[in-house]
Amino acid sequence: MSLGKLCEEMGDHSAAKKAYLHAIRGTPTAGAWLGAGMACLHLGEWHLAEEALSEANVFDNENPVVWAGLALVCVKDGRPREAEMAIQEALHHRIAESPLLRYMPLITTDIMVMMDHGTR
């Protein structure tokens, strides 16, 4: 898993994804699934990101970064109500302590716009 983190830090999200998926094959953990999900988010692979983040959530449903990632996926997929619920979970589990906090205003704005336009 540390190879995935190193690849992330270098900005090579494709290599990070491969490293995390390799780690998952050996020992699936919340951290490995989260790493794979975040790499997929960076690559714009929304469906794969949601799958990986959902698996991370099974292992650790109190991780605010997982919830924030799921909120972002829901926004990108046009599911504002699910995104709003995921944001509430992220806030409940102290997203303020995460670097992903910088995305929260963007996600919240997108949700409000979608709800105003009657998306799903």
PDB file of N, CA and C in Angstrom:
ATOM      1  N   MET A   1       0.811  -1.179   0.000  1.00  0.00           N
ATOM      2  CA  MET A   1       0.000   0.000   0.000  1.00  0.00           C
ATOM      3  C   MET A   1       0.864   1.256   0.000  1.00  0.00           C
ATOM      4  N   SER A   2       2.055   1.200   0.561  1.00  0.00           N
ATOM      5  CA  SER A   2       2.916   2.379   0.591  1.00  0.00           C
ATOM      6  C   SER A   2       3.375   2.753  -0.819  1.00  0.00           C
ATOM      7  N   LEU A   3       3.450   1.788  -1.735  1.00  0.00           N
ATOM      8  CA  LEU A   3       3.778   2.098  -3.121  1.00  0.00           C
ATOM      9  C   LEU A   3       2.675   2.963  -3.726  1.00  0.00           C
ATOM     10  N   GLY A   4       1.430   2.640  -3.429  1.00  0.00           N
ATOM     11  CA  GLY A   4       0.313   3.434  -3.919  1.00  0.00           C
ATOM     12  C   GLY A   4       0.372   4.853  -3.404  1.00  0.00           C
ATOM     13  N   LYS A   5       0.691   5.005  -2.143  1.00  0.00           N
ATOM     14  CA  LYS A   5       0.800   6.340  -1.547  1.00  0.00           C
ATOM     15  C   LYS A   5       1.944   7.125  -2.194  1.00  0.00           C
ATOM     16  N   LEU A   6       3.052   6.475  -2.417  1.00  0.00           N
ATOM     17  CA  LEU A   6       4.188   7.123  -3.077  1.00  0.00           C
ATOM     18  C   LEU A   6       3.812   7.581  -4.487  1.00  0.00           C
ATOM     19  N   CYS A   7       3.118   6.723  -5.226  1.00  0.00           N
ATOM     20  CA  CYS A   7       2.675   7.081  -6.578  1.00  0.00           C
ATOM     21  C   CYS A   7       1.718   8.269  -6.533  1.00  0.00           C
ATOM     22  N   GLU A   8       0.824   8.266  -5.539  1.00  0.00           N
ATOM     23  CA  GLU A   8      -0.094   9.401  -5.367  1.00  0.00           C
ATOM     24  C   GLU A   8       0.673  10.696  -5.157  1.00  0.00           C
ATOM     25  N   GLU A   9       1.636  10.654  -4.256  1.00  0.00           N
ATOM     26  CA  GLU A   9       2.418  11.844  -3.938  1.00  0.00           C
ATOM     27  C   GLU A   9       3.176  12.359  -5.156  1.00  0.00           C
ATOM     28  N   MET A  10       3.523  11.454  -6.057  1.00  0.00           N
ATOM     29  CA  MET A  10       4.230  11.843  -7.282  1.00  0.00           C
ATOM     30  C   MET A  10       3.250  12.281  -8.376  1.00  0.00           C
ATOM     31  N   GLY A  11       1.949  12.124  -8.108  1.00  0.00           N
ATOM     32  CA  GLY A  11       0.944  12.525  -9.087  1.00  0.00           C
ATOM     33  C   GLY A  11       0.643  11.485 -10.149  1.00  0.00           C
ATOM     34  N   ASP A  12       1.150  10.278  -9.966  1.00  0.00           N
ATOM     35  CA  ASP A  12       0.902   9.201 -10.928  1.00  0.00           C
ATOM     36  C   ASP A  12      -0.287   8.371 -10.424  1.00  0.00           C
ATOM     37  N   HIS A  13      -1.480   8.859 -10.725  1.00  0.00           N
ATOM     38  CA  HIS A  13      -2.690   8.228 -10.191  1.00  0.00           C
ATOM     39  C   HIS A  13      -2.983   6.871 -10.834  1.00  0.00           C
ATOM     40  N   SER A  14      -2.556   6.695 -12.053  1.00  0.00           N
ATOM     41  CA  SER A  14      -2.738   5.402 -12.712  1.00  0.00           C
ATOM     42  C   SER A  14      -1.898   4.327 -12.020  1.00  0.00           C
ATOM     43  N   ALA A  15      -0.648   4.646 -11.735  1.00  0.00           N
ATOM     44  CA  ALA A  15       0.223   3.700 -11.024  1.00  0.00           C
ATOM     45  C   ALA A  15      -0.274   3.488  -9.596  1.00  0.00           C
ATOM     46  N   ALA A  16      -0.776   4.546  -8.972  1.00  0.00           N
ATOM     47  CA  ALA A  16      -1.322   4.425  -7.617  1.00  0.00           C
ATOM     48  C   ALA A  16      -2.500   3.463  -7.610  1.00  0.00           C
ATOM     49  N   LYS A  17      -3.382   3.629  -8.581  1.00  0.00           N
ATOM     50  CA  LYS A  17      -4.552   2.739  -8.684  1.00  0.00           C
ATOM     51  C   LYS A  17      -4.099   1.286  -8.799  1.00  0.00           C
ATOM     52  N   LYS A  18      -3.130   1.028  -9.677  1.00  0.00           N
ATOM     53  CA  LYS A  18      -2.631  -0.337  -9.862  1.00  0.00           C
ATOM     54  C   LYS A  18      -2.030  -0.880  -8.571  1.00  0.00           C
ATOM     55  N   ALA A  19      -1.275  -0.055  -7.874  1.00  0.00           N
ATOM     56  CA  ALA A  19      -0.647  -0.497  -6.625  1.00  0.00           C
ATOM     57  C   ALA A  19      -1.693  -0.815  -5.565  1.00  0.00           C
ATOM     58  N   TYR A  20      -2.706   0.046  -5.450  1.00  0.00           N
ATOM     59  CA  TYR A  20      -3.754  -0.207  -4.455  1.00  0.00           C
ATOM     60  C   TYR A  20      -4.558  -1.456  -4.805  1.00  0.00           C
ATOM     61  N   LEU A  21      -4.862  -1.640  -6.082  1.00  0.00           N
ATOM     62  CA  LEU A  21      -5.613  -2.835  -6.479  1.00  0.00           C
ATOM     63  C   LEU A  21      -4.796  -4.099  -6.230  1.00  0.00           C
ATOM     64  N   HIS A  22      -3.486  -4.012  -6.426  1.00  0.00           N
ATOM     65  CA  HIS A  22      -2.614  -5.150  -6.114  1.00  0.00           C
ATOM     66  C   HIS A  22      -2.656  -5.449  -4.610  1.00  0.00           C
ATOM     67  N   ALA A  23      -2.621  -4.400  -3.786  1.00  0.00           N
ATOM     68  CA  ALA A  23      -2.692  -4.578  -2.332  1.00  0.00           C
ATOM     69  C   ALA A  23      -4.025  -5.206  -1.930  1.00  0.00           C
ATOM     70  N   ILE A  24      -5.095  -4.799  -2.597  1.00  0.00           N
ATOM     71  CA  ILE A  24      -6.430  -5.328  -2.287  1.00  0.00           C
ATOM     72  C   ILE A  24      -6.498  -6.819  -2.573  1.00  0.00           C
ATOM     73  N   ARG A  25      -5.862  -7.240  -3.666  1.00  0.00           N
ATOM     74  CA  ARG A  25      -5.856  -8.680  -3.981  1.00  0.00           C
ATOM     75  C   ARG A  25      -5.182  -9.484  -2.876  1.00  0.00           C
ATOM     76  N   GLY A  26      -4.169  -8.893  -2.240  1.00  0.00           N
ATOM     77  CA  GLY A  26      -3.470  -9.595  -1.157  1.00  0.00           C
ATOM     78  C   GLY A  26      -4.237  -9.518   0.150  1.00  0.00           C
ATOM     79  N   THR A  27      -4.541  -8.318   0.579  1.00  0.00           N
ATOM     80  CA  THR A  27      -5.253  -8.104   1.837  1.00  0.00           C
ATOM     81  C   THR A  27      -6.151  -6.880   1.687  1.00  0.00           C
ATOM     82  N   PRO A  28      -7.430  -7.112   1.451  1.00  0.00           N
ATOM     83  CA  PRO A  28      -8.324  -5.964   1.307  1.00  0.00           C
ATOM     84  C   PRO A  28      -8.499  -5.233   2.642  1.00  0.00           C
ATOM     85  N   THR A  29      -8.237  -3.930   2.617  1.00  0.00           N
ATOM     86  CA  THR A  29      -8.408  -3.093   3.809  1.00  0.00           C
ATOM     87  C   THR A  29      -9.136  -1.822   3.409  1.00  0.00           C
ATOM     88  N   ALA A  30      -9.637  -1.114   4.407  1.00  0.00           N
ATOM     89  CA  ALA A  30     -10.297   0.168   4.147  1.00  0.00           C
ATOM     90  C   ALA A  30      -9.335   1.133   3.465  1.00  0.00           C
ATOM     91  N   GLY A  31      -8.094   1.167   3.930  1.00  0.00           N
ATOM     92  CA  GLY A  31      -7.108   2.078   3.376  1.00  0.00           C
ATOM     93  C   GLY A  31      -6.778   1.781   1.921  1.00  0.00           C
ATOM     94  N   ALA A  32      -6.665   0.509   1.584  1.00  0.00           N
ATOM     95  CA  ALA A  32      -6.368   0.142   0.203  1.00  0.00           C
ATOM     96  C   ALA A  32      -7.541   0.483  -0.714  1.00  0.00           C
ATOM     97  N   TRP A  33      -8.762   0.189  -0.256  1.00  0.00           N
ATOM     98  CA  TRP A  33      -9.937   0.537  -1.056  1.00  0.00           C
ATOM     99  C   TRP A  33     -10.061   2.052  -1.199  1.00  0.00           C
ATOM    100  N   LEU A  34      -9.790   2.783  -0.127  1.00  0.00           N
ATOM    101  CA  LEU A  34      -9.849   4.241  -0.186  1.00  0.00           C
ATOM    102  C   LEU A  34      -8.814   4.775  -1.172  1.00  0.00           C
ATOM    103  N   GLY A  35      -7.602   4.250  -1.108  1.00  0.00           N
ATOM    104  CA  GLY A  35      -6.562   4.676  -2.030  1.00  0.00           C
ATOM    105  C   GLY A  35      -6.955   4.427  -3.478  1.00  0.00           C
ATOM    106  N   ALA A  36      -7.517   3.261  -3.745  1.00  0.00           N
ATOM    107  CA  ALA A  36      -7.961   2.944  -5.103  1.00  0.00           C
ATOM    108  C   ALA A  36      -9.076   3.896  -5.532  1.00  0.00           C
ATOM    109  N   GLY A  37      -9.995   4.159  -4.613  1.00  0.00           N
ATOM    110  CA  GLY A  37     -11.102   5.058  -4.920  1.00  0.00           C
ATOM    111  C   GLY A  37     -10.635   6.471  -5.214  1.00  0.00           C
ATOM    112  N   MET A  38      -9.701   6.964  -4.417  1.00  0.00           N
ATOM    113  CA  MET A  38      -9.193   8.323  -4.625  1.00  0.00           C
ATOM    114  C   MET A  38      -8.412   8.414  -5.938  1.00  0.00           C
ATOM    115  N   ALA A  39      -7.652   7.377  -6.256  1.00  0.00           N
ATOM    116  CA  ALA A  39      -6.928   7.362  -7.528  1.00  0.00           C
ATOM    117  C   ALA A  39      -7.919   7.395  -8.692  1.00  0.00           C
ATOM    118  N   CYS A  40      -8.995   6.623  -8.571  1.00  0.00           N
ATOM    119  CA  CYS A  40     -10.014   6.614  -9.626  1.00  0.00           C
ATOM    120  C   CYS A  40     -10.701   7.975  -9.742  1.00  0.00           C
ATOM    121  N   LEU A  41     -10.921   8.643  -8.614  1.00  0.00           N
ATOM    122  CA  LEU A  41     -11.490   9.990  -8.665  1.00  0.00           C
ATOM    123  C   LEU A  41     -10.581  10.916  -9.466  1.00  0.00           C
ATOM    124  N   HIS A  42      -9.296  10.868  -9.186  1.00  0.00           N
ATOM    125  CA  HIS A  42      -8.339  11.714  -9.900  1.00  0.00           C
ATOM    126  C   HIS A  42      -8.291  11.392 -11.389  1.00  0.00           C
ATOM    127  N   LEU A  43      -8.562  10.148 -11.724  1.00  0.00           N
ATOM    128  CA  LEU A  43      -8.535   9.727 -13.128  1.00  0.00           C
ATOM    129  C   LEU A  43      -9.874   9.957 -13.832  1.00  0.00           C
ATOM    130  N   GLY A  44     -10.885  10.391 -13.072  1.00  0.00           N
ATOM    131  CA  GLY A  44     -12.206  10.602 -13.653  1.00  0.00           C
ATOM    132  C   GLY A  44     -12.973   9.318 -13.907  1.00  0.00           C
ATOM    133  N   GLU A  45     -12.569   8.253 -13.261  1.00  0.00           N
ATOM    134  CA  GLU A  45     -13.228   6.950 -13.404  1.00  0.00           C
ATOM    135  C   GLU A  45     -14.287   6.834 -12.313  1.00  0.00           C
ATOM    136  N   TRP A  46     -15.398   7.530 -12.505  1.00  0.00           N
ATOM    137  CA  TRP A  46     -16.406   7.719 -11.452  1.00  0.00           C
ATOM    138  C   TRP A  46     -17.035   6.418 -10.989  1.00  0.00           C
ATOM    139  N   HIS A  47     -17.382   5.533 -11.927  1.00  0.00           N
ATOM    140  CA  HIS A  47     -18.028   4.274 -11.542  1.00  0.00           C
ATOM    141  C   HIS A  47     -17.080   3.405 -10.710  1.00  0.00           C
ATOM    142  N   LEU A  48     -15.827   3.307 -11.152  1.00  0.00           N
ATOM    143  CA  LEU A  48     -14.844   2.520 -10.399  1.00  0.00           C
ATOM    144  C   LEU A  48     -14.548   3.172  -9.046  1.00  0.00           C
ATOM    145  N   ALA A  49     -14.521   4.505  -9.023  1.00  0.00           N
ATOM    146  CA  ALA A  49     -14.299   5.212  -7.759  1.00  0.00           C
ATOM    147  C   ALA A  49     -15.413   4.882  -6.777  1.00  0.00           C
ATOM    148  N   GLU A  50     -16.649   4.894  -7.268  1.00  0.00           N
ATOM    149  CA  GLU A  50     -17.779   4.590  -6.373  1.00  0.00           C
ATOM    150  C   GLU A  50     -17.697   3.161  -5.841  1.00  0.00           C
ATOM    151  N   GLU A  51     -17.329   2.232  -6.697  1.00  0.00           N
ATOM    152  CA  GLU A  51     -17.198   0.839  -6.251  1.00  0.00           C
ATOM    153  C   GLU A  51     -16.134   0.718  -5.161  1.00  0.00           C
ATOM    154  N   ALA A  52     -14.979   1.319  -5.390  1.00  0.00           N
ATOM    155  CA  ALA A  52     -13.883   1.220  -4.424  1.00  0.00           C
ATOM    156  C   ALA A  52     -14.232   1.938  -3.122  1.00  0.00           C
ATOM    157  N   LEU A  53     -14.823   3.123  -3.228  1.00  0.00           N
ATOM    158  CA  LEU A  53     -15.188   3.869  -2.017  1.00  0.00           C
ATOM    159  C   LEU A  53     -16.291   3.163  -1.239  1.00  0.00           C
ATOM    160  N   SER A  54     -17.195   2.517  -1.944  1.00  0.00           N
ATOM    161  CA  SER A  54     -18.242   1.749  -1.262  1.00  0.00           C
ATOM    162  C   SER A  54     -17.634   0.580  -0.491  1.00  0.00           C
ATOM    163  N   GLU A  55     -16.633  -0.056  -1.084  1.00  0.00           N
ATOM    164  CA  GLU A  55     -15.938  -1.143  -0.377  1.00  0.00           C
ATOM    165  C   GLU A  55     -15.188  -0.588   0.842  1.00  0.00           C
ATOM    166  N   ALA A  56     -14.544   0.562   0.680  1.00  0.00           N
ATOM    167  CA  ALA A  56     -13.862   1.187   1.823  1.00  0.00           C
ATOM    168  C   ALA A  56     -14.858   1.480   2.929  1.00  0.00           C
ATOM    169  N   ASN A  57     -16.050   1.895   2.547  1.00  0.00           N
ATOM    170  CA  ASN A  57     -17.094   2.215   3.515  1.00  0.00           C
ATOM    171  C   ASN A  57     -17.567   0.978   4.277  1.00  0.00           C
ATOM    172  N   VAL A  58     -17.538  -0.171   3.618  1.00  0.00           N
ATOM    173  CA  VAL A  58     -17.899  -1.429   4.289  1.00  0.00           C
ATOM    174  C   VAL A  58     -16.901  -1.718   5.410  1.00  0.00           C
ATOM    175  N   PHE A  59     -15.630  -1.470   5.138  1.00  0.00           N
ATOM    176  CA  PHE A  59     -14.583  -1.714   6.126  1.00  0.00           C
ATOM    177  C   PHE A  59     -14.549  -0.654   7.222  1.00  0.00           C
ATOM    178  N   ASP A  60     -14.876   0.597   6.857  1.00  0.00           N
ATOM    179  CA  ASP A  60     -14.800   1.702   7.828  1.00  0.00           C
ATOM    180  C   ASP A  60     -15.830   2.763   7.456  1.00  0.00           C
ATOM    181  N   ASN A  61     -17.019   2.639   8.039  1.00  0.00           N
ATOM    182  CA  ASN A  61     -18.092   3.570   7.691  1.00  0.00           C
ATOM    183  C   ASN A  61     -18.042   4.878   8.486  1.00  0.00           C
ATOM    184  N   GLU A  62     -16.938   5.129   9.169  1.00  0.00           N
ATOM    185  CA  GLU A  62     -16.779   6.381   9.906  1.00  0.00           C
ATOM    186  C   GLU A  62     -15.661   7.245   9.333  1.00  0.00           C
ATOM    187  N   ASN A  63     -15.162   6.893   8.173  1.00  0.00           N
ATOM    188  CA  ASN A  63     -14.076   7.650   7.557  1.00  0.00           C
ATOM    189  C   ASN A  63     -14.666   8.807   6.754  1.00  0.00           C
ATOM    190  N   PRO A  64     -14.405  10.044   7.169  1.00  0.00           N
ATOM    191  CA  PRO A  64     -15.005  11.182   6.469  1.00  0.00           C
ATOM    192  C   PRO A  64     -14.507  11.359   5.039  1.00  0.00           C
ATOM    193  N   VAL A  65     -13.296  10.923   4.757  1.00  0.00           N
ATOM    194  CA  VAL A  65     -12.762  11.046   3.410  1.00  0.00           C
ATOM    195  C   VAL A  65     -13.522  10.127   2.457  1.00  0.00           C
ATOM    196  N   VAL A  66     -13.873   8.940   2.926  1.00  0.00           N
ATOM    197  CA  VAL A  66     -14.668   8.015   2.118  1.00  0.00           C
ATOM    198  C   VAL A  66     -16.020   8.656   1.809  1.00  0.00           C
ATOM    199  N   TRP A  67     -16.662   9.214   2.826  1.00  0.00           N
ATOM    200  CA  TRP A  67     -17.972   9.850   2.632  1.00  0.00           C
ATOM    201  C   TRP A  67     -17.870  11.034   1.678  1.00  0.00           C
ATOM    202  N   ALA A  68     -16.827  11.837   1.803  1.00  0.00           N
ATOM    203  CA  ALA A  68     -16.655  12.987   0.911  1.00  0.00           C
ATOM    204  C   ALA A  68     -16.441  12.524  -0.531  1.00  0.00           C
ATOM    205  N   GLY A  69     -15.658  11.470  -0.701  1.00  0.00           N
ATOM    206  CA  GLY A  69     -15.449  10.915  -2.035  1.00  0.00           C
ATOM    207  C   GLY A  69     -16.750  10.399  -2.633  1.00  0.00           C
ATOM    208  N   LEU A  70     -17.547   9.726  -1.822  1.00  0.00           N
ATOM    209  CA  LEU A  70     -18.845   9.236  -2.291  1.00  0.00           C
ATOM    210  C   LEU A  70     -19.764  10.404  -2.661  1.00  0.00           C
ATOM    211  N   ALA A  71     -19.697  11.485  -1.885  1.00  0.00           N
ATOM    212  CA  ALA A  71     -20.499  12.669  -2.204  1.00  0.00           C
ATOM    213  C   ALA A  71     -20.097  13.225  -3.564  1.00  0.00           C
ATOM    214  N   LEU A  72     -18.812  13.292  -3.815  1.00  0.00           N
ATOM    215  CA  LEU A  72     -18.318  13.810  -5.092  1.00  0.00           C
ATOM    216  C   LEU A  72     -18.796  12.936  -6.252  1.00  0.00           C
ATOM    217  N   VAL A  73     -18.732  11.632  -6.080  1.00  0.00           N
ATOM    218  CA  VAL A  73     -19.205  10.716  -7.120  1.00  0.00           C
ATOM    219  C   VAL A  73     -20.690  10.930  -7.374  1.00  0.00           C
ATOM    220  N   CYS A  74     -21.462  11.080  -6.307  1.00  0.00           N
ATOM    221  CA  CYS A  74     -22.907  11.281  -6.465  1.00  0.00           C
ATOM    222  C   CYS A  74     -23.216  12.588  -7.187  1.00  0.00           C
ATOM    223  N   VAL A  75     -22.451  13.632  -6.894  1.00  0.00           N
ATOM    224  CA  VAL A  75     -22.632  14.904  -7.601  1.00  0.00           C
ATOM    225  C   VAL A  75     -22.346  14.710  -9.082  1.00  0.00           C
ATOM    226  N   LYS A  76     -21.227  14.071  -9.386  1.00  0.00           N
ATOM    227  CA  LYS A  76     -20.843  13.867 -10.786  1.00  0.00           C
ATOM    228  C   LYS A  76     -21.853  13.003 -11.531  1.00  0.00           C
ATOM    229  N   ASP A  77     -22.554  12.138 -10.792  1.00  0.00           N
ATOM    230  CA  ASP A  77     -23.531  11.238 -11.395  1.00  0.00           C
ATOM    231  C   ASP A  77     -24.951  11.820 -11.361  1.00  0.00           C
ATOM    232  N   GLY A  78     -25.089  13.037 -10.859  1.00  0.00           N
ATOM    233  CA  GLY A  78     -26.398  13.687 -10.845  1.00  0.00           C
ATOM    234  C   GLY A  78     -27.365  13.141  -9.814  1.00  0.00           C
ATOM    235  N   ARG A  79     -26.823  12.746  -8.657  1.00  0.00           N
ATOM    236  CA  ARG A  79     -27.668  12.217  -7.578  1.00  0.00           C
ATOM    237  C   ARG A  79     -27.544  13.124  -6.349  1.00  0.00           C
ATOM    238  N   PRO A  80     -28.209  14.274  -6.376  1.00  0.00           N
ATOM    239  CA  PRO A  80     -28.019  15.265  -5.314  1.00  0.00           C
ATOM    240  C   PRO A  80     -28.467  14.802  -3.933  1.00  0.00           C
ATOM    241  N   ARG A  81     -29.513  14.035  -3.857  1.00  0.00           N
ATOM    242  CA  ARG A  81     -29.990  13.602  -2.536  1.00  0.00           C
ATOM    243  C   ARG A  81     -28.996  12.653  -1.869  1.00  0.00           C
ATOM    244  N   GLU A  82     -28.448  11.745  -2.657  1.00  0.00           N
ATOM    245  CA  GLU A  82     -27.429  10.833  -2.118  1.00  0.00           C
ATOM    246  C   GLU A  82     -26.162  11.606  -1.751  1.00  0.00           C
ATOM    247  N   ALA A  83     -25.816  12.585  -2.583  1.00  0.00           N
ATOM    248  CA  ALA A  83     -24.639  13.406  -2.296  1.00  0.00           C
ATOM    249  C   ALA A  83     -24.834  14.170  -0.994  1.00  0.00           C
ATOM    250  N   GLU A  84     -26.009  14.700  -0.812  1.00  0.00           N
ATOM    251  CA  GLU A  84     -26.295  15.448   0.416  1.00  0.00           C
ATOM    252  C   GLU A  84     -26.190  14.550   1.649  1.00  0.00           C
ATOM    253  N   MET A  85     -26.705  13.331   1.541  1.00  0.00           N
ATOM    254  CA  MET A  85     -26.605  12.394   2.672  1.00  0.00           C
ATOM    255  C   MET A  85     -25.146  12.044   2.955  1.00  0.00           C
ATOM    256  N   ALA A  86     -24.348  11.856   1.903  1.00  0.00           N
ATOM    257  CA  ALA A  86     -22.935  11.536   2.088  1.00  0.00           C
ATOM    258  C   ALA A  86     -22.195  12.711   2.725  1.00  0.00           C
ATOM    259  N   ILE A  87     -22.546  13.926   2.336  1.00  0.00           N
ATOM    260  CA  ILE A  87     -21.926  15.099   2.954  1.00  0.00           C
ATOM    261  C   ILE A  87     -22.258  15.162   4.434  1.00  0.00           C
ATOM    262  N   GLN A  88     -23.503  14.878   4.773  1.00  0.00           N
ATOM    263  CA  GLN A  88     -23.893  14.884   6.188  1.00  0.00           C
ATOM    264  C   GLN A  88     -23.055  13.878   6.979  1.00  0.00           C
ATOM    265  N   GLU A  89     -22.828  12.715   6.408  1.00  0.00           N
ATOM    266  CA  GLU A  89     -21.993  11.709   7.075  1.00  0.00           C
ATOM    267  C   GLU A  89     -20.550  12.202   7.196  1.00  0.00           C
ATOM    268  N   ALA A  90     -20.035  12.811   6.135  1.00  0.00           N
ATOM    269  CA  ALA A  90     -18.664  13.333   6.165  1.00  0.00           C
ATOM    270  C   ALA A  90     -18.521  14.381   7.270  1.00  0.00           C
ATOM    271  N   LEU A  91     -19.501  15.269   7.365  1.00  0.00           N
ATOM    272  CA  LEU A  91     -19.458  16.297   8.408  1.00  0.00           C
ATOM    273  C   LEU A  91     -19.592  15.686   9.798  1.00  0.00           C
ATOM    274  N   HIS A  92     -20.467  14.705   9.902  1.00  0.00           N
ATOM    275  CA  HIS A  92     -20.668  14.025  11.189  1.00  0.00           C
ATOM    276  C   HIS A  92     -19.384  13.350  11.672  1.00  0.00           C
ATOM    277  N   HIS A  93     -18.608  12.857  10.729  1.00  0.00           N
ATOM    278  CA  HIS A  93     -17.369  12.149  11.084  1.00  0.00           C
ATOM    279  C   HIS A  93     -16.134  13.031  10.961  1.00  0.00           C
ATOM    280  N   ARG A  94     -16.326  14.328  11.075  1.00  0.00           N
ATOM    281  CA  ARG A  94     -15.247  15.306  11.196  1.00  0.00           C
ATOM    282  C   ARG A  94     -14.415  15.505   9.928  1.00  0.00           C
ATOM    283  N   ILE A  95     -15.104  15.761   8.820  1.00  0.00           N
ATOM    284  CA  ILE A  95     -14.407  16.035   7.568  1.00  0.00           C
ATOM    285  C   ILE A  95     -13.486  17.239   7.713  1.00  0.00           C
ATOM    286  N   ALA A  96     -13.761  18.103   8.681  1.00  0.00           N
ATOM    287  CA  ALA A  96     -12.948  19.313   8.870  1.00  0.00           C
ATOM    288  C   ALA A  96     -11.476  18.980   9.094  1.00  0.00           C
ATOM    289  N   GLU A  97     -11.194  17.761   9.472  1.00  0.00           N
ATOM    290  CA  GLU A  97      -9.814  17.355   9.715  1.00  0.00           C
ATOM    291  C   GLU A  97      -9.172  16.733   8.470  1.00  0.00           C
ATOM    292  N   SER A  98      -9.848  16.828   7.327  1.00  0.00           N
ATOM    293  CA  SER A  98      -9.356  16.190   6.114  1.00  0.00           C
ATOM    294  C   SER A  98      -9.003  17.211   5.038  1.00  0.00           C
ATOM    295  N   PRO A  99      -7.991  16.896   4.232  1.00  0.00           N
ATOM    296  CA  PRO A  99      -7.668  17.783   3.113  1.00  0.00           C
ATOM    297  C   PRO A  99      -8.802  17.880   2.089  1.00  0.00           C
ATOM    298  N   LEU A 100      -9.715  16.909   2.072  1.00  0.00           N
ATOM    299  CA  LEU A 100     -10.832  16.955   1.135  1.00  0.00           C
ATOM    300  C   LEU A 100     -11.837  18.059   1.463  1.00  0.00           C
ATOM    301  N   LEU A 101     -11.679  18.689   2.612  1.00  0.00           N
ATOM    302  CA  LEU A 101     -12.598  19.751   3.006  1.00  0.00           C
ATOM    303  C   LEU A 101     -12.662  20.837   1.936  1.00  0.00           C
ATOM    304  N   ARG A 102     -11.585  21.060   1.236  1.00  0.00           N
ATOM    305  CA  ARG A 102     -11.578  22.125   0.225  1.00  0.00           C
ATOM    306  C   ARG A 102     -12.585  21.865  -0.896  1.00  0.00           C
ATOM    307  N   TYR A 103     -13.015  20.619  -1.093  1.00  0.00           N
ATOM    308  CA  TYR A 103     -13.994  20.307  -2.129  1.00  0.00           C
ATOM    309  C   TYR A 103     -15.437  20.469  -1.661  1.00  0.00           C
ATOM    310  N   MET A 104     -15.650  20.535  -0.364  1.00  0.00           N
ATOM    311  CA  MET A 104     -17.020  20.550   0.154  1.00  0.00           C
ATOM    312  C   MET A 104     -17.859  21.714  -0.372  1.00  0.00           C
ATOM    313  N   PRO A 105     -17.353  22.948  -0.427  1.00  0.00           N
ATOM    314  CA  PRO A 105     -18.199  24.023  -0.973  1.00  0.00           C
ATOM    315  C   PRO A 105     -18.594  23.772  -2.431  1.00  0.00           C
ATOM    316  N   LEU A 106     -17.701  23.207  -3.223  1.00  0.00           N
ATOM    317  CA  LEU A 106     -18.016  22.909  -4.619  1.00  0.00           C
ATOM    318  C   LEU A 106     -19.095  21.843  -4.715  1.00  0.00           C
ATOM    319  N   ILE A 107     -18.970  20.811  -3.893  1.00  0.00           N
ATOM    320  CA  ILE A 107     -19.954  19.731  -3.901  1.00  0.00           C
ATOM    321  C   ILE A 107     -21.311  20.274  -3.469  1.00  0.00           C
ATOM    322  N   THR A 108     -21.325  21.051  -2.395  1.00  0.00           N
ATOM    323  CA  THR A 108     -22.580  21.600  -1.880  1.00  0.00           C
ATOM    324  C   THR A 108     -23.233  22.502  -2.915  1.00  0.00           C
ATOM    325  N   THR A 109     -22.470  23.341  -3.582  1.00  0.00           N
ATOM    326  CA  THR A 109     -23.010  24.224  -4.620  1.00  0.00           C
ATOM    327  C   THR A 109     -23.610  23.402  -5.758  1.00  0.00           C
ATOM    328  N   ASP A 110     -22.908  22.357  -6.194  1.00  0.00           N
ATOM    329  CA  ASP A 110     -23.420  21.503  -7.262  1.00  0.00           C
ATOM    330  C   ASP A 110     -24.724  20.831  -6.856  1.00  0.00           C
ATOM    331  N   ILE A 111     -24.826  20.404  -5.609  1.00  0.00           N
ATOM    332  CA  ILE A 111     -26.058  19.772  -5.133  1.00  0.00           C
ATOM    333  C   ILE A 111     -27.211  20.764  -5.195  1.00  0.00           C
ATOM    334  N   MET A 112     -26.995  21.982  -4.721  1.00  0.00           N
ATOM    335  CA  MET A 112     -28.059  22.979  -4.724  1.00  0.00           C
ATOM    336  C   MET A 112     -28.507  23.290  -6.150  1.00  0.00           C
ATOM    337  N   VAL A 113     -27.571  23.398  -7.079  1.00  0.00           N
ATOM    338  CA  VAL A 113     -27.916  23.671  -8.471  1.00  0.00           C
ATOM    339  C   VAL A 113     -28.748  22.524  -9.037  1.00  0.00           C
ATOM    340  N   MET A 114     -28.346  21.281  -8.773  1.00  0.00           N
ATOM    341  CA  MET A 114     -29.093  20.131  -9.274  1.00  0.00           C
ATOM    342  C   MET A 114     -30.496  20.087  -8.696  1.00  0.00           C
ATOM    343  N   MET A 115     -30.633  20.381  -7.412  1.00  0.00           N
ATOM    344  CA  MET A 115     -31.951  20.348  -6.787  1.00  0.00           C
ATOM    345  C   MET A 115     -32.843  21.465  -7.348  1.00  0.00           C
ATOM    346  N   ASP A 116     -32.254  22.614  -7.634  1.00  0.00           N
ATOM    347  CA  ASP A 116     -33.021  23.712  -8.239  1.00  0.00           C
ATOM    348  C   ASP A 116     -33.518  23.332  -9.625  1.00  0.00           C
ATOM    349  N   HIS A 117     -32.754  22.511 -10.336  1.00  0.00           N
ATOM    350  CA  HIS A 117     -33.124  22.116 -11.689  1.00  0.00           C
ATOM    351  C   HIS A 117     -33.927  20.811 -11.701  1.00  0.00           C
ATOM    352  N   GLY A 118     -34.182  20.262 -10.526  1.00  0.00           N
ATOM    353  CA  GLY A 118     -35.008  19.057 -10.437  1.00  0.00           C
ATOM    354  C   GLY A 118     -34.337  17.782 -10.879  1.00  0.00           C
ATOM    355  N   THR A 119     -33.023  17.742 -10.829  1.00  0.00           N
ATOM    356  CA  THR A 119     -32.298  16.528 -11.198  1.00  0.00           C
ATOM    357  C   THR A 119     -32.583  15.444 -10.174  1.00  0.00           C
ATOM    358  N   ARG A 120     -33.035  14.324 -10.661  1.00  0.00           N
ATOM    359  CA  ARG A 120     -33.353  13.134  -9.859  1.00  0.00           C
ATOM    360  C   ARG A 120     -33.935  13.531  -8.545  1.00  0.00           C
TER     361      ARG A 120
END
